[in-house]
Amino acid sequence: MRAKMPPPIIFHGTTDTMVPFAQATKFCAARKQPGNACEVKSYERRGHDFFNFGHRKLMSCGEDFKSTLQAIDDFLVSLGSLKSTTK
């Protein structure tokens, strides 16, 4: 990895069978090595694409969607890319 890469935030279910959770954490650790920002948000007992609103008939789907949107806002605020709307 090289320095000055765009900062990713990764939302990953711990039971994802398409992309193992360990792969996401390994990628993020490697991304941070040259001084880049990277964050992994884990979601227990969630699989692949768990936060796509209305995609699956999970009771938590709407809440997961809202949670990831809030985490995106928080991440962008922490980078100075977005102004906080909380007072």
N, C-alpha and C. Protein backbone atom coordinates (compact mmCIF):
# COMPACT_ATOMS: atom_id res chain seq x y z
N MET A 1 0.85 -1.18 0.00
CA MET A 1 0.00 0.00 0.00
C MET A 1 0.88 1.24 0.00
N ARG A 2 0.34 2.29 -0.52
CA ARG A 2 1.10 3.53 -0.54
C ARG A 2 0.40 4.60 0.29
N ALA A 3 1.11 5.65 0.61
CA ALA A 3 0.57 6.74 1.40
C ALA A 3 -0.40 7.59 0.58
N LYS A 4 -1.19 8.36 1.28
CA LYS A 4 -2.14 9.32 0.69
C LYS A 4 -3.22 8.65 -0.16
N MET A 5 -3.69 7.50 0.29
CA MET A 5 -4.80 6.82 -0.37
C MET A 5 -6.11 7.33 0.23
N PRO A 6 -7.20 7.30 -0.52
CA PRO A 6 -8.49 7.70 0.04
C PRO A 6 -8.85 6.83 1.24
N PRO A 7 -9.45 7.41 2.25
CA PRO A 7 -9.76 6.66 3.47
C PRO A 7 -11.05 5.84 3.36
N PRO A 8 -10.96 4.51 3.46
CA PRO A 8 -12.17 3.69 3.42
C PRO A 8 -12.74 3.42 4.82
N ILE A 9 -14.03 3.22 4.85
CA ILE A 9 -14.69 2.67 6.03
C ILE A 9 -15.37 1.40 5.53
N ILE A 10 -15.19 0.32 6.27
CA ILE A 10 -15.68 -0.99 5.84
C ILE A 10 -16.73 -1.47 6.84
N PHE A 11 -17.90 -1.81 6.34
CA PHE A 11 -18.97 -2.38 7.16
C PHE A 11 -19.00 -3.87 6.85
N HIS A 12 -18.76 -4.67 7.88
CA HIS A 12 -18.60 -6.09 7.61
C HIS A 12 -19.30 -6.95 8.65
N GLY A 13 -20.07 -7.89 8.16
CA GLY A 13 -20.71 -8.86 9.05
C GLY A 13 -19.72 -9.92 9.47
N THR A 14 -19.77 -10.30 10.73
CA THR A 14 -18.80 -11.28 11.24
C THR A 14 -19.04 -12.68 10.70
N THR A 15 -20.23 -12.94 10.15
CA THR A 15 -20.51 -14.27 9.59
C THR A 15 -20.62 -14.23 8.06
N ASP A 16 -20.00 -13.25 7.45
CA ASP A 16 -19.97 -13.13 5.99
C ASP A 16 -19.23 -14.34 5.42
N THR A 17 -19.87 -15.08 4.53
CA THR A 17 -19.22 -16.25 3.93
C THR A 17 -18.65 -15.94 2.54
N MET A 18 -18.98 -14.78 1.98
CA MET A 18 -18.43 -14.41 0.68
C MET A 18 -17.05 -13.76 0.82
N VAL A 19 -16.92 -12.88 1.79
CA VAL A 19 -15.65 -12.22 2.09
C VAL A 19 -15.43 -12.39 3.60
N PRO A 20 -14.51 -13.23 3.99
CA PRO A 20 -14.30 -13.47 5.43
C PRO A 20 -13.97 -12.18 6.18
N PHE A 21 -14.50 -12.09 7.39
CA PHE A 21 -14.28 -10.92 8.23
C PHE A 21 -12.78 -10.65 8.41
N ALA A 22 -12.00 -11.70 8.60
CA ALA A 22 -10.55 -11.54 8.80
C ALA A 22 -9.89 -10.85 7.61
N GLN A 23 -10.42 -11.05 6.42
CA GLN A 23 -9.86 -10.42 5.24
C GLN A 23 -10.05 -8.90 5.29
N ALA A 24 -11.19 -8.47 5.78
CA ALA A 24 -11.45 -7.03 5.89
C ALA A 24 -10.52 -6.39 6.92
N THR A 25 -10.32 -7.05 8.05
CA THR A 25 -9.44 -6.48 9.07
C THR A 25 -7.99 -6.49 8.61
N LYS A 26 -7.60 -7.51 7.88
CA LYS A 26 -6.23 -7.58 7.34
C LYS A 26 -5.99 -6.45 6.33
N PHE A 27 -6.96 -6.24 5.45
CA PHE A 27 -6.87 -5.15 4.47
C PHE A 27 -6.73 -3.81 5.18
N CYS A 28 -7.55 -3.58 6.19
CA CYS A 28 -7.52 -2.30 6.89
C CYS A 28 -6.18 -2.09 7.61
N ALA A 29 -5.67 -3.12 8.21
CA ALA A 29 -4.37 -3.02 8.89
C ALA A 29 -3.27 -2.68 7.89
N ALA A 30 -3.29 -3.30 6.72
CA ALA A 30 -2.29 -3.01 5.69
C ALA A 30 -2.46 -1.59 5.17
N ARG A 31 -3.68 -1.16 5.05
CA ARG A 31 -3.96 0.19 4.54
C ARG A 31 -3.42 1.26 5.48
N LYS A 32 -3.45 0.98 6.78
CA LYS A 32 -2.99 1.94 7.78
C LYS A 32 -1.47 2.05 7.85
N GLN A 33 -0.75 1.03 7.40
CA GLN A 33 0.71 1.00 7.54
C GLN A 33 1.43 2.24 7.01
N PRO A 34 1.12 2.72 5.82
CA PRO A 34 1.82 3.91 5.36
C PRO A 34 1.20 5.22 5.86
N GLY A 35 0.32 5.13 6.87
CA GLY A 35 -0.26 6.34 7.46
C GLY A 35 -1.63 6.74 6.94
N ASN A 36 -2.29 5.85 6.24
CA ASN A 36 -3.64 6.13 5.76
C ASN A 36 -4.67 5.86 6.85
N ALA A 37 -5.82 6.48 6.71
CA ALA A 37 -6.95 6.20 7.59
C ALA A 37 -7.72 5.01 7.04
N CYS A 38 -8.23 4.19 7.92
CA CYS A 38 -9.08 3.07 7.54
C CYS A 38 -9.83 2.63 8.79
N GLU A 39 -11.08 2.26 8.63
CA GLU A 39 -11.86 1.81 9.77
C GLU A 39 -12.74 0.64 9.36
N VAL A 40 -12.81 -0.37 10.24
CA VAL A 40 -13.71 -1.50 10.05
C VAL A 40 -14.77 -1.44 11.13
N LYS A 41 -16.02 -1.45 10.72
CA LYS A 41 -17.15 -1.53 11.65
C LYS A 41 -17.70 -2.94 11.53
N SER A 42 -17.63 -3.69 12.63
CA SER A 42 -18.11 -5.07 12.61
C SER A 42 -19.55 -5.15 13.08
N TYR A 43 -20.28 -6.06 12.49
CA TYR A 43 -21.67 -6.32 12.84
C TYR A 43 -21.81 -7.80 13.13
N GLU A 44 -22.04 -8.10 14.40
CA GLU A 44 -22.13 -9.48 14.85
C GLU A 44 -23.28 -10.22 14.18
N ARG A 45 -23.00 -11.48 13.83
CA ARG A 45 -23.99 -12.39 13.26
C ARG A 45 -24.68 -11.83 12.01
N ARG A 46 -23.96 -11.04 11.25
CA ARG A 46 -24.49 -10.53 9.98
C ARG A 46 -23.65 -11.11 8.85
N GLY A 47 -24.31 -11.36 7.73
CA GLY A 47 -23.62 -11.90 6.56
C GLY A 47 -23.28 -10.82 5.56
N HIS A 48 -23.12 -11.22 4.32
CA HIS A 48 -22.76 -10.31 3.25
C HIS A 48 -23.94 -9.39 2.90
N ASP A 49 -23.68 -8.16 2.58
CA ASP A 49 -24.66 -7.11 2.19
C ASP A 49 -25.81 -6.97 3.18
N PHE A 50 -25.51 -7.15 4.45
CA PHE A 50 -26.53 -7.13 5.51
C PHE A 50 -27.22 -5.78 5.65
N PHE A 51 -26.58 -4.69 5.26
CA PHE A 51 -27.15 -3.36 5.52
C PHE A 51 -27.92 -2.78 4.35
N ASN A 52 -28.05 -3.51 3.26
CA ASN A 52 -28.82 -3.02 2.11
C ASN A 52 -30.29 -2.98 2.48
N PHE A 53 -30.83 -1.79 2.59
CA PHE A 53 -32.20 -1.61 3.05
C PHE A 53 -33.20 -2.37 2.18
N GLY A 54 -34.00 -3.21 2.80
CA GLY A 54 -35.05 -3.94 2.11
C GLY A 54 -34.58 -5.14 1.31
N HIS A 55 -33.27 -5.39 1.28
CA HIS A 55 -32.75 -6.49 0.48
C HIS A 55 -33.10 -7.85 1.06
N ARG A 56 -33.02 -7.95 2.35
CA ARG A 56 -33.34 -9.22 3.02
C ARG A 56 -34.47 -9.00 4.01
N LYS A 57 -35.16 -10.04 4.30
CA LYS A 57 -36.25 -9.93 5.25
C LYS A 57 -35.75 -10.16 6.67
N LEU A 58 -34.88 -9.28 7.10
CA LEU A 58 -34.34 -9.34 8.46
C LEU A 58 -34.98 -8.22 9.27
N MET A 59 -35.33 -8.51 10.47
CA MET A 59 -35.93 -7.47 11.31
C MET A 59 -34.96 -6.32 11.54
N SER A 60 -33.65 -6.62 11.54
CA SER A 60 -32.66 -5.59 11.82
C SER A 60 -32.24 -4.81 10.59
N CYS A 61 -32.73 -5.16 9.43
CA CYS A 61 -32.27 -4.56 8.18
C CYS A 61 -32.36 -3.04 8.21
N GLY A 62 -33.49 -2.51 8.59
CA GLY A 62 -33.66 -1.06 8.64
C GLY A 62 -32.73 -0.42 9.65
N GLU A 63 -32.55 -1.07 10.79
CA GLU A 63 -31.66 -0.54 11.82
C GLU A 63 -30.20 -0.62 11.38
N ASP A 64 -29.82 -1.69 10.72
CA ASP A 64 -28.45 -1.81 10.21
C ASP A 64 -28.18 -0.73 9.17
N PHE A 65 -29.14 -0.47 8.31
CA PHE A 65 -29.01 0.57 7.29
C PHE A 65 -28.79 1.93 7.95
N LYS A 66 -29.61 2.25 8.93
CA LYS A 66 -29.49 3.52 9.64
C LYS A 66 -28.16 3.61 10.38
N SER A 67 -27.75 2.53 10.99
CA SER A 67 -26.49 2.49 11.73
C SER A 67 -25.30 2.75 10.82
N THR A 68 -25.31 2.15 9.64
CA THR A 68 -24.18 2.36 8.72
C THR A 68 -24.17 3.79 8.18
N LEU A 69 -25.34 4.35 7.92
CA LEU A 69 -25.38 5.74 7.47
C LEU A 69 -24.81 6.68 8.52
N GLN A 70 -25.17 6.45 9.79
CA GLN A 70 -24.64 7.28 10.87
C GLN A 70 -23.13 7.10 10.99
N ALA A 71 -22.65 5.88 10.86
CA ALA A 71 -21.21 5.61 10.95
C ALA A 71 -20.45 6.30 9.81
N ILE A 72 -21.06 6.35 8.63
CA ILE A 72 -20.43 7.06 7.50
C ILE A 72 -20.30 8.55 7.84
N ASP A 73 -21.38 9.13 8.34
CA ASP A 73 -21.33 10.54 8.74
C ASP A 73 -20.25 10.77 9.79
N ASP A 74 -20.22 9.92 10.81
CA ASP A 74 -19.23 10.07 11.89
C ASP A 74 -17.81 9.96 11.35
N PHE A 75 -17.59 9.02 10.43
CA PHE A 75 -16.27 8.83 9.83
C PHE A 75 -15.85 10.06 9.05
N LEU A 76 -16.75 10.60 8.24
CA LEU A 76 -16.43 11.77 7.44
C LEU A 76 -16.19 13.00 8.31
N VAL A 77 -16.93 13.13 9.40
CA VAL A 77 -16.70 14.22 10.35
C VAL A 77 -15.32 14.07 10.99
N SER A 78 -14.95 12.84 11.36
CA SER A 78 -13.65 12.61 12.00
C SER A 78 -12.49 12.96 11.07
N LEU A 79 -12.71 12.86 9.77
CA LEU A 79 -11.69 13.19 8.77
C LEU A 79 -11.69 14.67 8.39
N GLY A 80 -12.70 15.39 8.87
CA GLY A 80 -12.82 16.80 8.51
C GLY A 80 -13.46 17.00 7.15
N SER A 81 -14.05 15.97 6.58
CA SER A 81 -14.67 16.06 5.26
C SER A 81 -16.14 16.47 5.31
N LEU A 82 -16.70 16.45 6.51
CA LEU A 82 -18.10 16.78 6.69
C LEU A 82 -18.23 17.51 8.02
N LYS A 83 -19.08 18.52 8.07
CA LYS A 83 -19.29 19.24 9.33
C LYS A 83 -20.32 18.50 10.16
N SER A 84 -20.08 18.46 11.46
CA SER A 84 -21.00 17.81 12.37
C SER A 84 -22.28 18.63 12.48
N THR A 85 -23.41 17.93 12.56
CA THR A 85 -24.69 18.60 12.73
C THR A 85 -25.19 18.51 14.16
N THR A 86 -24.45 17.80 15.02
CA THR A 86 -24.84 17.71 16.43
C THR A 86 -24.33 18.92 17.19
N LYS A 87 -25.09 19.30 18.18
CA LYS A 87 -24.71 20.49 18.97
C LYS A 87 -24.28 20.11 20.35
